[in-house]
Amino acid sequence: MIQNKPLLVFIGPSGVGKSTIYRQLMSELPLHFVPSWTTRPPRDGEQALEHNFVKKHKFTALQKDGYFIDVIQPFGLEYKYGLPYIVESKTHINTVSLRVFAIDMLREYYSNLLIYQVERPLEEALTALNERVEELGDRAKMFEHETRAGRKVADRIFENNNIDDCSSKIISAIKQDFQIR
């Protein structure tokens, strides 16, 4: 596939603040978030942004129809996640959120990636996760490994010590990287 604009990819372990940052970015920049599809039910109050939530039978039908680039089942949990094929937007920056271990799979389909990693201390991430996640699975165990692996592939790394400050730095980086005034 030929891409003129890079595909903006956000990575980072669970609980680092990616979803909160996305919502701030969308109000400031011409981003089009391409959600993954998942069999995981939405959490209380969770809005579809990073994920489209579907029942297992719908997910299986989409998978059989070849709708997804690939399907993963992370953290030792029962839920599946699939990323659809992405059509380049002429007016917006296509943006996805992935786990670092899916980057190689994505590179098979999209050669022009710009990878931003969001980081946060483990203790703060666990606090955030415990407030919103019913099942941690292997998230805590994988946190440090995922952070280190992300540093090897990320083009930019953002430390989330303060959500507004981190979002501001990411907005500046996107404006620079995509030549937005």
N, C-alpha and C. Protein backbone atom coordinates (compact mmCIF):
# COMPACT_ATOMS: atom_id res chain seq x y z
N MET A 1 0.84 -1.19 0.00
CA MET A 1 0.00 0.00 0.00
C MET A 1 0.88 1.24 0.00
N ILE A 2 0.54 2.21 -0.81
CA ILE A 2 1.29 3.47 -0.85
C ILE A 2 0.59 4.45 0.08
N GLN A 3 1.38 5.03 0.96
CA GLN A 3 0.84 6.03 1.88
C GLN A 3 1.61 7.32 1.70
N ASN A 4 0.88 8.41 1.56
CA ASN A 4 1.54 9.71 1.50
C ASN A 4 1.85 10.20 2.91
N LYS A 5 0.85 10.14 3.77
CA LYS A 5 1.02 10.56 5.16
C LYS A 5 1.32 9.35 6.02
N PRO A 6 2.15 9.55 7.03
CA PRO A 6 2.38 8.43 7.96
C PRO A 6 1.09 8.07 8.70
N LEU A 7 1.00 6.83 9.08
CA LEU A 7 -0.04 6.37 9.99
C LEU A 7 0.48 6.62 11.39
N LEU A 8 -0.23 7.42 12.17
CA LEU A 8 0.18 7.75 13.53
C LEU A 8 -0.27 6.63 14.46
N VAL A 9 0.69 6.04 15.15
CA VAL A 9 0.41 4.89 16.01
C VAL A 9 0.79 5.25 17.45
N PHE A 10 -0.16 5.12 18.35
CA PHE A 10 0.09 5.32 19.77
C PHE A 10 0.28 3.96 20.41
N ILE A 11 1.35 3.84 21.18
CA ILE A 11 1.59 2.62 21.95
C ILE A 11 1.84 3.02 23.40
N GLY A 12 1.78 2.06 24.26
CA GLY A 12 2.03 2.27 25.68
C GLY A 12 1.22 1.27 26.46
N PRO A 13 1.71 0.86 27.59
CA PRO A 13 0.99 -0.11 28.41
C PRO A 13 -0.37 0.41 28.87
N SER A 14 -1.20 -0.49 29.32
CA SER A 14 -2.51 -0.12 29.88
C SER A 14 -2.31 0.82 31.06
N GLY A 15 -3.18 1.82 31.15
CA GLY A 15 -3.18 2.71 32.31
C GLY A 15 -2.28 3.92 32.21
N VAL A 16 -1.65 4.15 31.04
CA VAL A 16 -0.75 5.30 30.94
C VAL A 16 -1.47 6.59 30.55
N GLY A 17 -2.76 6.49 30.19
CA GLY A 17 -3.53 7.69 29.88
C GLY A 17 -3.81 7.92 28.41
N LYS A 18 -3.62 6.91 27.58
CA LYS A 18 -3.80 7.10 26.14
C LYS A 18 -5.21 7.56 25.79
N SER A 19 -6.23 6.94 26.35
CA SER A 19 -7.62 7.30 26.01
C SER A 19 -7.93 8.75 26.38
N THR A 20 -7.49 9.17 27.54
CA THR A 20 -7.73 10.55 27.97
C THR A 20 -7.01 11.52 27.04
N ILE A 21 -5.80 11.18 26.66
CA ILE A 21 -5.03 12.02 25.74
C ILE A 21 -5.73 12.08 24.39
N TYR A 22 -6.24 10.95 23.88
CA TYR A 22 -6.92 10.94 22.58
C TYR A 22 -8.06 11.95 22.56
N ARG A 23 -8.86 11.94 23.61
CA ARG A 23 -10.01 12.85 23.64
C ARG A 23 -9.55 14.31 23.56
N GLN A 24 -8.45 14.64 24.21
CA GLN A 24 -7.94 16.01 24.14
C GLN A 24 -7.40 16.32 22.75
N LEU A 25 -6.71 15.37 22.15
CA LEU A 25 -6.14 15.58 20.82
C LEU A 25 -7.22 15.80 19.77
N MET A 26 -8.30 15.05 19.87
CA MET A 26 -9.36 15.13 18.86
C MET A 26 -10.00 16.51 18.81
N SER A 27 -10.02 17.22 19.92
CA SER A 27 -10.61 18.55 19.92
C SER A 27 -9.65 19.60 19.36
N GLU A 28 -8.38 19.23 19.22
CA GLU A 28 -7.36 20.18 18.78
C GLU A 28 -6.83 19.94 17.37
N LEU A 29 -6.92 18.71 16.88
CA LEU A 29 -6.24 18.33 15.64
C LEU A 29 -7.15 17.54 14.70
N PRO A 30 -6.83 17.55 13.40
CA PRO A 30 -7.63 16.77 12.45
C PRO A 30 -7.23 15.29 12.45
N LEU A 31 -7.61 14.60 13.51
CA LEU A 31 -7.27 13.19 13.65
C LEU A 31 -8.48 12.31 13.36
N HIS A 32 -8.23 11.18 12.76
CA HIS A 32 -9.25 10.17 12.58
C HIS A 32 -8.75 8.91 13.28
N PHE A 33 -9.33 8.61 14.44
CA PHE A 33 -8.94 7.41 15.17
C PHE A 33 -9.63 6.20 14.55
N VAL A 34 -8.83 5.25 14.16
CA VAL A 34 -9.34 4.01 13.60
C VAL A 34 -9.41 3.01 14.75
N PRO A 35 -10.61 2.71 15.21
CA PRO A 35 -10.72 1.82 16.37
C PRO A 35 -10.49 0.37 16.02
N SER A 36 -9.98 -0.37 16.99
CA SER A 36 -9.97 -1.82 16.85
C SER A 36 -11.38 -2.29 17.18
N TRP A 37 -11.65 -3.53 16.86
CA TRP A 37 -12.92 -4.17 17.19
C TRP A 37 -12.62 -5.18 18.27
N THR A 38 -13.51 -5.32 19.24
CA THR A 38 -13.23 -6.23 20.35
C THR A 38 -14.49 -6.93 20.84
N THR A 39 -14.27 -8.11 21.38
CA THR A 39 -15.35 -8.85 22.02
C THR A 39 -15.48 -8.46 23.49
N ARG A 40 -14.56 -7.60 23.96
CA ARG A 40 -14.64 -7.15 25.35
C ARG A 40 -15.83 -6.23 25.51
N PRO A 41 -16.62 -6.43 26.56
CA PRO A 41 -17.73 -5.50 26.77
C PRO A 41 -17.19 -4.14 27.25
N PRO A 42 -17.89 -3.06 26.90
CA PRO A 42 -17.43 -1.75 27.37
C PRO A 42 -17.54 -1.67 28.90
N ARG A 43 -16.60 -0.94 29.49
CA ARG A 43 -16.66 -0.69 30.93
C ARG A 43 -17.74 0.35 31.21
N ASP A 44 -18.17 0.45 32.44
CA ASP A 44 -19.18 1.45 32.80
C ASP A 44 -18.71 2.83 32.35
N GLY A 45 -19.53 3.49 31.56
CA GLY A 45 -19.22 4.84 31.11
C GLY A 45 -18.24 4.92 29.96
N GLU A 46 -17.70 3.79 29.50
CA GLU A 46 -16.71 3.81 28.42
C GLU A 46 -17.40 4.06 27.08
N GLN A 47 -16.90 5.06 26.37
CA GLN A 47 -17.43 5.38 25.06
C GLN A 47 -16.55 4.76 23.99
N ALA A 48 -17.16 4.41 22.88
CA ALA A 48 -16.41 3.83 21.77
C ALA A 48 -15.50 4.90 21.18
N LEU A 49 -14.22 4.75 21.34
CA LEU A 49 -13.22 5.62 20.72
C LEU A 49 -12.09 4.75 20.20
N GLU A 50 -11.42 4.06 21.11
CA GLU A 50 -10.34 3.16 20.72
C GLU A 50 -10.87 1.83 20.19
N HIS A 51 -12.07 1.45 20.62
CA HIS A 51 -12.61 0.13 20.28
C HIS A 51 -14.06 0.23 19.86
N ASN A 52 -14.44 -0.62 18.92
CA ASN A 52 -15.84 -0.90 18.63
C ASN A 52 -16.15 -2.20 19.38
N PHE A 53 -17.16 -2.17 20.20
CA PHE A 53 -17.51 -3.32 21.03
C PHE A 53 -18.60 -4.14 20.33
N VAL A 54 -18.32 -5.42 20.10
CA VAL A 54 -19.28 -6.28 19.42
C VAL A 54 -19.36 -7.63 20.12
N LYS A 55 -20.46 -8.31 19.89
CA LYS A 55 -20.63 -9.66 20.43
C LYS A 55 -19.73 -10.62 19.66
N LYS A 56 -19.44 -11.76 20.31
CA LYS A 56 -18.52 -12.74 19.72
C LYS A 56 -18.95 -13.19 18.32
N HIS A 57 -20.24 -13.42 18.13
CA HIS A 57 -20.70 -13.90 16.82
C HIS A 57 -20.46 -12.86 15.72
N LYS A 58 -20.65 -11.58 16.01
CA LYS A 58 -20.39 -10.52 15.04
C LYS A 58 -18.89 -10.43 14.73
N PHE A 59 -18.06 -10.51 15.78
CA PHE A 59 -16.61 -10.46 15.61
C PHE A 59 -16.15 -11.63 14.73
N THR A 60 -16.64 -12.82 15.03
CA THR A 60 -16.27 -14.02 14.27
C THR A 60 -16.67 -13.87 12.80
N ALA A 61 -17.84 -13.32 12.55
CA ALA A 61 -18.29 -13.12 11.17
C ALA A 61 -17.37 -12.13 10.44
N LEU A 62 -17.01 -11.04 11.10
CA LEU A 62 -16.09 -10.07 10.49
C LEU A 62 -14.73 -10.71 10.21
N GLN A 63 -14.26 -11.51 11.16
CA GLN A 63 -12.98 -12.18 10.99
C GLN A 63 -13.02 -13.14 9.80
N LYS A 64 -14.08 -13.92 9.69
CA LYS A 64 -14.22 -14.86 8.57
C LYS A 64 -14.31 -14.15 7.23
N ASP A 65 -14.88 -12.94 7.24
CA ASP A 65 -15.01 -12.15 6.00
C ASP A 65 -13.72 -11.42 5.63
N GLY A 66 -12.66 -11.58 6.44
CA GLY A 66 -11.39 -10.93 6.14
C GLY A 66 -11.36 -9.45 6.43
N TYR A 67 -12.21 -9.00 7.35
CA TYR A 67 -12.30 -7.58 7.68
C TYR A 67 -11.07 -7.06 8.43
N PHE A 68 -10.41 -7.94 9.17
CA PHE A 68 -9.30 -7.53 10.01
C PHE A 68 -7.94 -7.84 9.38
N ILE A 69 -6.98 -6.96 9.64
CA ILE A 69 -5.60 -7.22 9.28
C ILE A 69 -5.12 -8.43 10.07
N ASP A 70 -5.43 -8.42 11.36
CA ASP A 70 -5.02 -9.51 12.25
C ASP A 70 -5.89 -9.45 13.50
N VAL A 71 -5.90 -10.54 14.23
CA VAL A 71 -6.66 -10.65 15.47
C VAL A 71 -5.70 -11.11 16.56
N ILE A 72 -5.80 -10.47 17.73
CA ILE A 72 -4.97 -10.86 18.87
C ILE A 72 -5.87 -11.09 20.08
N GLN A 73 -5.33 -11.80 21.06
CA GLN A 73 -6.03 -12.08 22.30
C GLN A 73 -5.02 -11.82 23.43
N PRO A 74 -4.85 -10.54 23.84
CA PRO A 74 -3.78 -10.20 24.78
C PRO A 74 -4.11 -10.44 26.25
N PHE A 75 -3.08 -10.42 27.04
CA PHE A 75 -3.13 -10.42 28.51
C PHE A 75 -3.70 -11.69 29.12
N GLY A 76 -3.75 -12.76 28.36
CA GLY A 76 -4.28 -14.01 28.90
C GLY A 76 -5.76 -13.94 29.21
N LEU A 77 -6.46 -12.97 28.62
CA LEU A 77 -7.90 -12.83 28.84
C LEU A 77 -8.66 -13.43 27.66
N GLU A 78 -9.94 -13.60 27.81
CA GLU A 78 -10.76 -14.26 26.79
C GLU A 78 -11.11 -13.36 25.61
N TYR A 79 -10.88 -12.07 25.69
CA TYR A 79 -11.36 -11.14 24.69
C TYR A 79 -10.41 -11.05 23.49
N LYS A 80 -11.01 -10.93 22.32
CA LYS A 80 -10.25 -10.79 21.08
C LYS A 80 -10.33 -9.34 20.61
N TYR A 81 -9.26 -8.93 19.91
CA TYR A 81 -9.19 -7.60 19.31
C TYR A 81 -8.76 -7.76 17.86
N GLY A 82 -9.41 -7.04 16.97
CA GLY A 82 -9.05 -7.07 15.56
C GLY A 82 -8.90 -5.65 15.03
N LEU A 83 -7.88 -5.43 14.20
CA LEU A 83 -7.67 -4.13 13.59
C LEU A 83 -8.12 -4.20 12.14
N PRO A 84 -9.05 -3.32 11.72
CA PRO A 84 -9.50 -3.35 10.33
C PRO A 84 -8.44 -2.74 9.40
N TYR A 85 -8.59 -3.02 8.12
CA TYR A 85 -7.74 -2.37 7.13
C TYR A 85 -8.05 -0.87 7.17
N ILE A 86 -7.05 -0.07 6.90
CA ILE A 86 -7.17 1.39 7.05
C ILE A 86 -7.07 2.05 5.69
N VAL A 87 -8.06 2.87 5.36
CA VAL A 87 -8.06 3.64 4.13
C VAL A 87 -7.52 5.02 4.45
N GLU A 88 -6.52 5.46 3.67
CA GLU A 88 -5.91 6.75 3.95
C GLU A 88 -6.92 7.88 3.80
N SER A 89 -6.95 8.76 4.79
CA SER A 89 -7.82 9.92 4.77
C SER A 89 -7.11 11.07 4.06
N LYS A 90 -7.84 11.78 3.23
CA LYS A 90 -7.27 12.94 2.54
C LYS A 90 -7.25 14.17 3.44
N THR A 91 -8.14 14.21 4.43
CA THR A 91 -8.29 15.42 5.25
C THR A 91 -7.84 15.26 6.69
N HIS A 92 -7.68 14.04 7.15
CA HIS A 92 -7.33 13.80 8.55
C HIS A 92 -6.10 12.89 8.65
N ILE A 93 -5.52 12.87 9.83
CA ILE A 93 -4.39 12.00 10.12
C ILE A 93 -4.95 10.71 10.70
N ASN A 94 -4.79 9.61 9.98
CA ASN A 94 -5.25 8.32 10.51
C ASN A 94 -4.39 7.96 11.72
N THR A 95 -5.06 7.54 12.77
CA THR A 95 -4.40 7.27 14.04
C THR A 95 -4.95 5.97 14.62
N VAL A 96 -4.05 5.14 15.12
CA VAL A 96 -4.46 3.89 15.77
C VAL A 96 -3.74 3.76 17.10
N SER A 97 -4.30 2.93 17.94
CA SER A 97 -3.69 2.59 19.21
C SER A 97 -3.47 1.09 19.21
N LEU A 98 -2.22 0.70 19.46
CA LEU A 98 -1.87 -0.72 19.43
C LEU A 98 -0.99 -1.08 20.61
N ARG A 99 -0.88 -2.34 20.87
CA ARG A 99 0.13 -2.84 21.80
C ARG A 99 1.41 -2.96 21.01
N VAL A 100 2.53 -2.78 21.63
CA VAL A 100 3.81 -2.80 20.94
C VAL A 100 4.04 -4.12 20.20
N PHE A 101 3.52 -5.20 20.74
CA PHE A 101 3.75 -6.50 20.10
C PHE A 101 2.99 -6.66 18.79
N ALA A 102 2.14 -5.69 18.43
CA ALA A 102 1.42 -5.75 17.15
C ALA A 102 2.06 -4.85 16.09
N ILE A 103 3.13 -4.16 16.42
CA ILE A 103 3.77 -3.25 15.47
C ILE A 103 4.31 -4.00 14.25
N ASP A 104 4.97 -5.11 14.45
CA ASP A 104 5.51 -5.86 13.30
C ASP A 104 4.40 -6.29 12.36
N MET A 105 3.28 -6.71 12.90
CA MET A 105 2.14 -7.10 12.09
C MET A 105 1.66 -5.90 11.28
N LEU A 106 1.57 -4.74 11.90
CA LEU A 106 1.10 -3.54 11.22
C LEU A 106 2.05 -3.14 10.09
N ARG A 107 3.35 -3.29 10.33
CA ARG A 107 4.35 -2.94 9.30
C ARG A 107 4.22 -3.80 8.05
N GLU A 108 3.64 -4.97 8.17
CA GLU A 108 3.42 -5.81 6.99
C GLU A 108 2.44 -5.17 6.02
N TYR A 109 1.57 -4.29 6.53
CA TYR A 109 0.52 -3.68 5.72
C TYR A 109 0.75 -2.19 5.47
N TYR A 110 1.42 -1.54 6.39
CA TYR A 110 1.63 -0.09 6.30
C TYR A 110 3.09 0.21 6.61
N SER A 111 3.81 0.66 5.61
CA SER A 111 5.25 0.87 5.78
C SER A 111 5.58 2.22 6.42
N ASN A 112 4.69 3.18 6.31
CA ASN A 112 4.97 4.53 6.77
C ASN A 112 4.28 4.78 8.12
N LEU A 113 4.96 4.37 9.20
CA LEU A 113 4.41 4.52 10.55
C LEU A 113 5.17 5.60 11.30
N LEU A 114 4.47 6.37 12.09
CA LEU A 114 5.06 7.30 13.03
C LEU A 114 4.55 6.87 14.41
N ILE A 115 5.46 6.39 15.25
CA ILE A 115 5.06 5.74 16.50
C ILE A 115 5.36 6.64 17.69
N TYR A 116 4.32 6.94 18.46
CA TYR A 116 4.42 7.72 19.69
C TYR A 116 4.14 6.78 20.86
N GLN A 117 5.05 6.73 21.80
CA GLN A 117 4.81 5.95 23.01
C GLN A 117 4.48 6.88 24.17
N VAL A 118 3.44 6.53 24.92
CA VAL A 118 3.07 7.25 26.13
C VAL A 118 3.50 6.38 27.31
N GLU A 119 4.19 7.01 28.26
CA GLU A 119 4.68 6.29 29.43
C GLU A 119 4.19 6.95 30.71
N ARG A 120 4.21 6.14 31.77
CA ARG A 120 3.80 6.59 33.10
C ARG A 120 4.40 5.62 34.10
N PRO A 121 4.73 6.07 35.30
CA PRO A 121 5.24 5.12 36.30
C PRO A 121 4.22 4.01 36.58
N LEU A 122 4.73 2.81 36.81
CA LEU A 122 3.89 1.64 37.03
C LEU A 122 2.86 1.87 38.14
N GLU A 123 3.28 2.46 39.25
CA GLU A 123 2.37 2.66 40.39
C GLU A 123 1.16 3.50 39.99
N GLU A 124 1.40 4.58 39.20
CA GLU A 124 0.30 5.44 38.76
C GLU A 124 -0.61 4.70 37.77
N ALA A 125 0.00 3.93 36.90
CA ALA A 125 -0.78 3.17 35.93
C ALA A 125 -1.66 2.13 36.64
N LEU A 126 -1.10 1.46 37.62
CA LEU A 126 -1.87 0.45 38.36
C LEU A 126 -3.04 1.09 39.11
N THR A 127 -2.82 2.27 39.66
CA THR A 127 -3.91 2.99 40.32
C THR A 127 -5.03 3.27 39.32
N ALA A 128 -4.66 3.75 38.14
CA ALA A 128 -5.66 4.03 37.11
C ALA A 128 -6.37 2.74 36.67
N LEU A 129 -5.61 1.68 36.49
CA LEU A 129 -6.22 0.42 36.06
C LEU A 129 -7.17 -0.15 37.11
N ASN A 130 -6.78 -0.09 38.35
CA ASN A 130 -7.62 -0.63 39.41
C ASN A 130 -8.94 0.12 39.53
N GLU A 131 -8.97 1.38 39.06
CA GLU A 131 -10.21 2.16 39.09
C GLU A 131 -11.16 1.80 37.96
N ARG A 132 -10.64 1.19 36.88
CA ARG A 132 -11.48 0.98 35.71
C ARG A 132 -11.50 -0.42 35.13
N VAL A 133 -10.60 -1.29 35.54
CA VAL A 133 -10.50 -2.60 34.92
C VAL A 133 -10.93 -3.67 35.90
N GLU A 134 -11.83 -4.51 35.45
CA GLU A 134 -12.29 -5.61 36.29
C GLU A 134 -11.26 -6.74 36.34
N GLU A 135 -10.65 -7.01 35.19
CA GLU A 135 -9.69 -8.10 35.08
C GLU A 135 -8.36 -7.55 34.59
N LEU A 136 -7.34 -7.61 35.42
CA LEU A 136 -6.03 -7.12 35.00
C LEU A 136 -5.33 -8.09 34.07
N GLY A 137 -5.61 -9.37 34.20
CA GLY A 137 -4.89 -10.35 33.40
C GLY A 137 -3.39 -10.17 33.62
N ASP A 138 -2.63 -10.19 32.53
CA ASP A 138 -1.17 -10.03 32.61
C ASP A 138 -0.71 -8.59 32.45
N ARG A 139 -1.62 -7.63 32.52
CA ARG A 139 -1.25 -6.23 32.26
C ARG A 139 -0.12 -5.75 33.17
N ALA A 140 -0.24 -5.97 34.47
CA ALA A 140 0.79 -5.49 35.40
C ALA A 140 2.11 -6.21 35.16
N LYS A 141 2.04 -7.51 34.94
CA LYS A 141 3.24 -8.30 34.71
C LYS A 141 3.96 -7.87 33.43
N MET A 142 3.21 -7.48 32.42
CA MET A 142 3.76 -7.10 31.12
C MET A 142 4.17 -5.63 31.04
N PHE A 143 3.82 -4.83 32.04
CA PHE A 143 3.99 -3.38 31.97
C PHE A 143 5.43 -2.96 31.64
N GLU A 144 6.38 -3.41 32.42
CA GLU A 144 7.78 -3.00 32.20
C GLU A 144 8.31 -3.54 30.88
N HIS A 145 7.98 -4.78 30.57
CA HIS A 145 8.41 -5.38 29.31
C HIS A 145 7.86 -4.58 28.12
N GLU A 146 6.58 -4.23 28.20
CA GLU A 146 5.94 -3.48 27.12
C GLU A 146 6.55 -2.08 26.99
N THR A 147 6.86 -1.46 28.11
CA THR A 147 7.48 -0.13 28.07
C THR A 147 8.85 -0.20 27.40
N ARG A 148 9.67 -1.15 27.81
CA ARG A 148 11.02 -1.29 27.22
C ARG A 148 10.94 -1.62 25.73
N ALA A 149 10.06 -2.52 25.36
CA ALA A 149 9.91 -2.89 23.95
C ALA A 149 9.44 -1.70 23.12
N GLY A 150 8.55 -0.90 23.69
CA GLY A 150 8.06 0.29 22.99
C GLY A 150 9.15 1.31 22.75
N ARG A 151 10.06 1.44 23.69
CA ARG A 151 11.15 2.40 23.52
C ARG A 151 12.04 2.04 22.32
N LYS A 152 12.09 0.78 21.97
CA LYS A 152 12.92 0.34 20.85
C LYS A 152 12.31 0.69 19.50
N VAL A 153 11.00 0.85 19.44
CA VAL A 153 10.34 1.12 18.16
C VAL A 153 9.76 2.52 18.05
N ALA A 154 9.64 3.23 19.16
CA ALA A 154 8.99 4.54 19.15
C ALA A 154 9.86 5.61 18.49
N ASP A 155 9.20 6.45 17.72
CA ASP A 155 9.86 7.61 17.15
C ASP A 155 9.92 8.75 18.16
N ARG A 156 8.91 8.80 19.02
CA ARG A 156 8.85 9.81 20.08
C ARG A 156 8.29 9.15 21.34
N ILE A 157 8.78 9.61 22.49
CA ILE A 157 8.31 9.09 23.78
C ILE A 157 7.83 10.27 24.61
N PHE A 158 6.65 10.10 25.21
CA PHE A 158 6.04 11.15 26.02
C PHE A 158 5.77 10.60 27.42
N GLU A 159 6.30 11.27 28.42
CA GLU A 159 6.07 10.88 29.82
C GLU A 159 4.81 11.58 30.31
N ASN A 160 3.84 10.80 30.77
CA ASN A 160 2.59 11.36 31.26
C ASN A 160 2.66 11.56 32.78
N ASN A 161 3.27 12.65 33.19
CA ASN A 161 3.26 13.03 34.60
C ASN A 161 2.08 13.93 34.91
N ASN A 162 1.57 14.57 33.87
CA ASN A 162 0.41 15.47 33.97
C ASN A 162 -0.29 15.39 32.63
N ILE A 163 -1.57 15.02 32.63
CA ILE A 163 -2.28 14.75 31.39
C ILE A 163 -2.33 15.97 30.47
N ASP A 164 -2.55 17.16 31.01
CA ASP A 164 -2.62 18.35 30.17
C ASP A 164 -1.27 18.69 29.56
N ASP A 165 -0.21 18.57 30.35
CA ASP A 165 1.14 18.84 29.86
C ASP A 165 1.53 17.82 28.79
N CYS A 166 1.25 16.57 29.04
CA CYS A 166 1.59 15.51 28.09
C CYS A 166 0.81 15.72 26.78
N SER A 167 -0.48 16.01 26.88
CA SER A 167 -1.29 16.25 25.68
C SER A 167 -0.75 17.43 24.89
N SER A 168 -0.37 18.47 25.58
CA SER A 168 0.18 19.66 24.92
C SER A 168 1.46 19.32 24.15
N LYS A 169 2.33 18.53 24.75
CA LYS A 169 3.57 18.12 24.08
C LYS A 169 3.27 17.25 22.86
N ILE A 170 2.29 16.38 22.97
CA ILE A 170 1.93 15.52 21.84
C ILE A 170 1.32 16.37 20.72
N ILE A 171 0.47 17.32 21.06
CA ILE A 171 -0.11 18.22 20.05
C ILE A 171 0.99 18.96 19.31
N SER A 172 1.96 19.47 20.03
CA SER A 172 3.09 20.18 19.38
C SER A 172 3.86 19.24 18.46
N ALA A 173 4.09 18.02 18.91
CA ALA A 173 4.84 17.05 18.10
C ALA A 173 4.06 16.70 16.83
N ILE A 174 2.77 16.47 16.94
CA ILE A 174 1.96 16.15 15.76
C ILE A 174 1.97 17.33 14.78
N LYS A 175 1.83 18.53 15.29
CA LYS A 175 1.87 19.71 14.41
C LYS A 175 3.20 19.78 13.67
N GLN A 176 4.28 19.49 14.36
CA GLN A 176 5.60 19.49 13.73
C GLN A 176 5.74 18.33 12.74
N ASP A 177 5.40 17.12 13.17
CA ASP A 177 5.58 15.95 12.33
C ASP A 177 4.70 15.93 11.09
N PHE A 178 3.51 16.54 11.18
CA PHE A 178 2.58 16.56 10.05
C PHE A 178 2.46 17.94 9.42
N GLN A 179 3.35 18.84 9.81
CA GLN A 179 3.42 20.18 9.25
C GLN A 179 2.07 20.89 9.29
N ILE A 180 1.49 20.93 10.49
CA ILE A 180 0.21 21.61 10.71
C ILE A 180 0.51 22.94 11.38
N ARG A 181 -0.10 23.97 10.89
CA ARG A 181 0.11 25.31 11.49
C ARG A 181 -1.01 25.66 12.41
